[in-house]
Amino acid sequence: MTTETPRWFTSSYSNNGGACVEVATNLAPTHGTVPVRDSKNPDGPALALPATAFTTFVAEVKNGGFGGR
């Protein structure tokens, strides 16, 4: 049995002094989740968001939702 580990990355837009999150989208196809964690605390907890919820969230941000534009 193989165990996948999260491959964490931070957006290239995240250059704001460390107030960032990291995501591991590599687990979405096999586990149906997108882990999200605080980039300042990589050993801390991670939220495992359903992939569909994460996709909806990203689309809403791109569309200017949440006061993003």
Protein backbone atom coordinates (compact mmCIF):
# COMPACT_ATOMS: atom_id res chain seq x y z
CA MET A 1 0.00 0.00 0.00
CA THR A 2 1.33 3.46 -0.86
CA THR A 3 0.61 6.51 1.21
CA GLU A 4 0.51 9.88 -0.45
CA THR A 5 1.89 12.84 1.41
CA PRO A 6 0.79 16.41 0.83
CA ARG A 7 2.95 18.46 -1.54
CA TRP A 8 2.54 21.89 0.00
CA PHE A 9 2.77 25.11 -1.99
CA THR A 10 2.07 28.78 -1.49
CA SER A 11 0.62 30.97 -4.21
CA SER A 12 3.08 33.04 -6.20
CA TYR A 13 0.88 36.01 -5.24
CA SER A 14 1.72 35.47 -1.57
CA ASN A 15 4.52 37.90 -0.88
CA ASN A 16 2.99 39.77 2.03
CA GLY A 17 5.33 39.18 4.93
CA GLY A 18 4.27 35.68 5.92
CA ALA A 19 0.50 35.96 6.35
CA CYS A 20 -0.09 33.11 3.91
CA VAL A 21 -1.67 29.72 3.67
CA GLU A 22 -0.30 26.65 1.96
CA VAL A 23 -2.37 24.10 0.09
CA ALA A 24 -1.73 20.56 -1.12
CA THR A 25 -3.89 20.03 -4.18
CA ASN A 26 -2.16 16.75 -5.07
CA LEU A 27 -4.51 14.88 -2.71
CA ALA A 28 -7.73 16.05 -4.40
CA PRO A 29 -7.90 13.35 -7.10
CA THR A 30 -7.28 10.39 -4.78
CA HIS A 31 -8.65 11.59 -1.44
CA GLY A 32 -11.19 14.22 -2.47
CA THR A 33 -9.66 16.73 -0.06
CA VAL A 34 -7.42 19.80 -0.24
CA PRO A 35 -5.42 20.25 2.95
CA VAL A 36 -4.82 23.89 3.95
CA ARG A 37 -2.39 25.09 6.63
CA ASP A 38 -0.79 28.24 8.03
CA SER A 39 2.54 28.80 6.28
CA LYS A 40 4.06 30.18 9.50
CA ASN A 41 3.23 26.97 11.38
CA PRO A 42 3.97 24.04 9.05
CA ASP A 43 3.95 21.54 11.92
CA GLY A 44 0.59 22.78 13.17
CA PRO A 45 -2.86 21.56 12.22
CA ALA A 46 -4.19 21.47 8.68
CA LEU A 47 -7.78 21.74 7.55
CA ALA A 48 -8.87 19.02 5.12
CA LEU A 49 -11.39 20.79 2.91
CA PRO A 50 -13.58 18.86 0.47
CA ALA A 51 -12.13 19.42 -3.01
CA THR A 52 -15.47 20.71 -4.32
CA ALA A 53 -15.66 23.31 -1.52
CA PHE A 54 -12.09 24.45 -2.21
CA THR A 55 -12.82 24.78 -5.94
CA THR A 56 -15.93 26.84 -5.19
CA PHE A 57 -13.98 29.07 -2.79
CA VAL A 58 -11.20 29.75 -5.32
CA ALA A 59 -13.75 30.53 -8.05
CA GLU A 60 -15.53 32.99 -5.75
CA VAL A 61 -12.26 34.75 -4.89
CA LYS A 62 -11.38 35.01 -8.60
CA ASN A 63 -14.81 36.52 -9.25
CA GLY A 64 -14.23 39.23 -6.64
CA GLY A 65 -16.18 37.65 -3.83
CA PHE A 66 -15.26 38.18 -0.18
CA GLY A 67 -14.13 41.76 -0.94
CA GLY A 68 -11.17 40.45 -2.96
CA ARG A 69 -11.21 43.13 -5.67
